[in-house]
Amino acid sequence: MQPFRTLEAPACALARANVDTDQLIPARFMKRSRAQGYGPVLLHDLRFGPDGEALPDSPLDRSGKPMPGVIVARRNFGCGSSREAAVYALLDYGIRCAVAPSFGDIFASNAVKNGLLPAQVSEAEAEALLASDWVLDGRPVVVDLAAQTLTAGNRVVAFAIDPVWKTQLLNGWDDIDLTLAQADAIARFTAADALARPWAAPADTGGGTA
């Protein structure tokens, strides 16, 4: 997984609460192969009408503006079902950071495991960003994970993230990598425990393995 340290990219404003995973990627597109990319169908029903034409108020399809790498939304972003494809759709579109006052628990966990930063801000800061000309104009914002700040022009916003998730993102670690990082401590514990509780180890019958 690619480490996440800093990101400088345009942001887009999705001024909605409770954006669920079925909105992020509608179920009818789940038959697509990941190799095809889920980016084109991200937020499909908020971006396109029944005729397939782009809606004029779509926050993602802004004529003449660069593609966003950050999305700013209201509370409970990524709620609903546990489909990991919602995270794939965001990443395939090019978004590496979602900013909101709160996230669906499973969505946030899936995001971290795929290198997407769920940056939690206050309700007031989210509303300020959503109304900011800097964000609405699609100008680049800077996300600094180590400092836990998002800078949009003269506005610097602090965000929260679970410290374990922060470590994983900074290093590009999945859950196995996180465990392996403690290999020395695990070995020391195992050796000490073998001395303290020799009776707890499985008996060696000398029979080998089948």
Protein backbone atom coordinates (compact mmCIF):
# COMPACT_ATOMS: atom_id res chain seq x y z
CA MET A 1 0.00 0.00 0.00
CA GLN A 2 1.29 3.46 -0.89
CA PRO A 3 2.18 5.52 2.22
CA PHE A 4 0.15 8.64 2.83
CA ARG A 5 2.18 11.54 4.17
CA THR A 6 1.17 14.75 2.43
CA LEU A 7 -1.28 15.41 -0.36
CA GLU A 8 -1.69 18.57 -2.41
CA ALA A 9 -4.77 18.32 -4.59
CA PRO A 10 -7.98 20.14 -5.49
CA ALA A 11 -10.94 19.56 -3.16
CA CYS A 12 -14.60 19.28 -4.02
CA ALA A 13 -17.61 20.01 -1.84
CA LEU A 14 -20.31 17.37 -1.41
CA ALA A 15 -22.72 19.23 0.86
CA ARG A 16 -24.66 16.17 1.97
CA ALA A 17 -24.96 14.20 5.20
CA ASN A 18 -25.38 10.41 5.38
CA VAL A 19 -23.81 9.68 2.01
CA ASP A 20 -24.00 5.90 2.11
CA THR A 21 -21.98 3.25 0.34
CA ASP A 22 -24.80 2.54 -2.11
CA GLN A 23 -24.64 6.17 -3.20
CA LEU A 24 -20.86 6.00 -3.48
CA ILE A 25 -21.21 2.98 -5.76
CA PRO A 26 -24.74 1.80 -6.61
CA ALA A 27 -25.25 -1.95 -6.32
CA ARG A 28 -26.00 -2.43 -10.02
CA PHE A 29 -22.38 -1.57 -10.83
CA MET A 30 -20.95 -4.18 -8.50
CA LYS A 31 -20.71 -6.70 -11.36
CA ARG A 32 -17.89 -4.63 -12.87
CA SER A 33 -14.40 -6.03 -12.64
CA ARG A 34 -12.03 -3.99 -10.51
CA ALA A 35 -9.74 -4.00 -13.53
CA GLN A 36 -12.34 -1.86 -15.33
CA GLY A 37 -12.10 0.74 -12.59
CA TYR A 38 -14.93 1.95 -10.39
CA GLY A 39 -14.08 5.63 -10.75
CA PRO A 40 -16.51 6.33 -13.60
CA VAL A 41 -19.46 5.15 -11.50
CA LEU A 42 -18.51 6.92 -8.26
CA LEU A 43 -21.63 8.72 -6.97
CA HIS A 44 -23.24 7.83 -10.29
CA ASP A 45 -26.80 8.76 -9.42
CA LEU A 46 -25.75 12.13 -8.02
CA ARG A 47 -23.69 12.86 -11.13
CA PHE A 48 -25.86 11.59 -13.99
CA GLY A 49 -29.54 11.72 -14.91
CA PRO A 50 -31.65 8.80 -16.20
CA ASP A 51 -30.48 9.61 -19.73
CA GLY A 52 -26.84 9.26 -18.72
CA GLU A 53 -26.14 12.96 -19.17
CA ALA A 54 -24.05 14.69 -16.51
CA LEU A 55 -26.12 16.76 -14.09
CA PRO A 56 -25.22 20.46 -14.08
CA ASP A 57 -24.78 20.64 -10.29
CA SER A 58 -22.50 17.60 -9.95
CA PRO A 59 -19.66 18.51 -7.56
CA LEU A 60 -17.27 16.07 -9.23
CA ASP A 61 -17.81 16.95 -12.89
CA ARG A 62 -16.83 20.60 -12.95
CA SER A 63 -16.15 21.86 -16.44
CA GLY A 64 -12.72 23.43 -16.77
CA LYS A 65 -11.67 22.51 -13.22
CA PRO A 66 -9.08 19.91 -12.27
CA MET A 67 -10.06 16.51 -10.93
CA PRO A 68 -10.38 16.54 -7.13
CA GLY A 69 -8.14 14.49 -4.85
CA VAL A 70 -10.02 15.46 -1.68
CA ILE A 71 -13.75 15.29 -1.00
CA VAL A 72 -15.44 17.30 1.77
CA ALA A 73 -18.83 16.17 3.05
CA ARG A 74 -21.15 16.40 6.02
CA ARG A 75 -21.54 13.91 8.88
CA ASN A 76 -21.82 10.13 8.62
CA PHE A 77 -20.00 9.83 5.30
CA GLY A 78 -19.77 6.23 4.12
CA CYS A 79 -22.58 4.87 6.26
CA GLY A 80 -24.68 1.89 5.20
CA SER A 81 -23.46 -1.48 3.99
CA SER A 82 -19.91 -2.76 4.36
CA ARG A 83 -19.08 -2.82 0.64
CA GLU A 84 -15.38 -2.12 0.21
CA ALA A 85 -16.03 -1.16 -3.40
CA ALA A 86 -17.17 2.25 -2.13
CA VAL A 87 -13.56 2.92 -1.17
CA TYR A 88 -12.33 1.47 -4.48
CA ALA A 89 -14.59 3.89 -6.34
CA LEU A 90 -13.16 6.90 -4.51
CA LEU A 91 -9.58 5.77 -5.07
CA ASP A 92 -10.16 4.85 -8.71
CA TYR A 93 -11.57 8.32 -9.28
CA GLY A 94 -8.40 9.80 -7.78
CA ILE A 95 -9.61 10.78 -4.30
CA ARG A 96 -7.18 9.94 -1.48
CA CYS A 97 -8.72 11.90 1.37
CA ALA A 98 -12.30 12.23 2.61
CA VAL A 99 -13.07 15.02 5.08
CA ALA A 100 -16.20 14.91 7.23
CA PRO A 101 -17.38 15.33 10.83
CA SER A 102 -17.95 11.56 11.12
CA PHE A 103 -17.70 8.38 9.06
CA GLY A 104 -19.36 5.00 8.91
CA ASP A 105 -17.18 2.73 11.05
CA ILE A 106 -16.68 -0.02 8.48
CA PHE A 107 -16.14 2.48 5.68
CA ALA A 108 -13.40 4.26 7.65
CA SER A 109 -11.66 0.96 8.41
CA ASN A 110 -11.84 -0.08 4.75
CA ALA A 111 -10.52 3.33 3.73
CA VAL A 112 -7.41 3.04 5.88
CA LYS A 113 -6.73 -0.50 4.66
CA ASN A 114 -6.66 0.84 1.09
CA GLY A 115 -4.65 4.01 1.68
CA LEU A 116 -7.51 6.52 1.77
CA LEU A 117 -7.42 9.00 4.67
CA PRO A 118 -10.68 9.57 6.60
CA ALA A 119 -9.98 12.99 8.15
CA GLN A 120 -12.49 13.85 10.87
CA VAL A 121 -13.19 17.55 11.44
CA SER A 122 -15.73 19.44 13.51
CA GLU A 123 -19.18 20.24 12.13
CA ALA A 124 -18.27 23.93 12.06
CA GLU A 125 -15.05 23.34 10.15
CA ALA A 126 -16.79 21.08 7.66
CA GLU A 127 -19.40 23.74 6.96
CA ALA A 128 -16.70 26.40 6.61
CA LEU A 129 -14.83 24.26 4.07
CA LEU A 130 -18.01 23.46 2.16
CA ALA A 131 -18.73 27.20 1.84
CA SER A 132 -15.13 28.17 1.13
CA ASP A 133 -14.41 29.76 -2.24
CA TRP A 134 -11.07 27.94 -2.13
CA VAL A 135 -12.84 24.56 -2.14
CA LEU A 136 -15.72 25.60 -4.41
CA ASP A 137 -13.24 26.94 -6.98
CA GLY A 138 -11.32 23.68 -6.96
CA ARG A 139 -8.05 25.18 -5.79
CA PRO A 140 -5.46 22.83 -4.25
CA VAL A 141 -5.59 22.12 -0.54
CA VAL A 142 -2.71 20.57 1.39
CA VAL A 143 -3.30 17.61 3.69
CA ASP A 144 -0.48 16.87 6.14
CA LEU A 145 -1.10 13.61 7.97
CA ALA A 146 1.83 13.89 10.38
CA ALA A 147 0.62 17.33 11.52
CA GLN A 148 -3.05 16.33 11.12
CA THR A 149 -3.89 19.54 9.30
CA LEU A 150 -5.68 20.53 6.11
CA THR A 151 -4.72 23.90 4.65
CA ALA A 152 -7.05 25.68 2.25
CA GLY A 153 -5.62 29.10 1.46
CA ASN A 154 -5.32 30.95 4.76
CA ARG A 155 -7.49 28.45 6.62
CA VAL A 156 -5.74 25.70 8.56
CA VAL A 157 -8.07 22.99 9.84
CA ALA A 158 -7.03 20.33 12.35
CA PHE A 159 -8.42 16.85 11.85
CA ALA A 160 -8.60 13.75 14.03
CA ILE A 161 -7.69 10.18 13.19
CA ASP A 162 -7.16 7.05 15.24
CA PRO A 163 -3.42 6.90 16.11
CA VAL A 164 -3.09 3.29 14.92
CA TRP A 165 -4.68 4.19 11.59
CA LYS A 166 -2.35 7.18 11.34
CA THR A 167 0.67 4.89 11.79
CA GLN A 168 -0.64 2.51 9.15
CA LEU A 169 -1.24 5.25 6.60
CA LEU A 170 2.08 7.00 7.19
CA ASN A 171 3.94 3.73 6.63
CA GLY A 172 1.69 2.15 4.02
CA TRP A 173 1.03 -0.79 6.34
CA ASP A 174 -1.82 -3.25 6.30
CA ASP A 175 -2.81 -5.15 9.46
CA ILE A 176 -0.16 -7.84 8.90
CA ASP A 177 2.56 -5.19 8.48
CA LEU A 178 1.37 -3.56 11.72
CA THR A 179 1.81 -6.88 13.54
CA LEU A 180 5.22 -7.55 11.97
CA ALA A 181 6.41 -4.16 13.19
CA GLN A 182 6.17 -5.63 16.68
CA ALA A 183 8.15 -8.77 15.77
CA ASP A 184 10.98 -8.08 18.25
CA ALA A 185 8.56 -7.45 21.12
CA ILE A 186 6.62 -10.59 20.21
CA ALA A 187 9.85 -12.63 20.19
CA ARG A 188 10.90 -11.25 23.58
CA PHE A 189 7.51 -12.06 25.06
CA THR A 190 7.55 -15.56 23.61
CA ALA A 191 11.00 -16.27 25.06
CA ALA A 192 10.10 -14.87 28.49
CA ASP A 193 6.80 -16.74 28.54
CA ALA A 194 8.56 -20.02 27.69
CA LEU A 195 10.77 -19.58 30.77
CA ALA A 196 7.92 -18.48 33.03
CA ARG A 197 5.42 -21.11 31.86
CA PRO A 198 7.29 -24.03 30.31
CA TRP A 199 4.29 -26.22 30.98
CA ALA A 200 2.15 -24.15 28.61
CA ALA A 201 4.08 -25.13 25.49
CA PRO A 202 2.73 -28.06 23.43
CA ALA A 203 4.53 -31.30 24.17
CA ASP A 204 7.02 -32.48 21.53
CA THR A 205 6.03 -36.06 20.81
CA GLY A 206 8.78 -36.48 18.25
CA GLY A 207 6.30 -37.61 15.66
CA GLY A 208 6.89 -34.74 13.25
CA THR A 209 4.20 -33.51 10.94
CA ALA A 210 1.99 -35.52 8.67
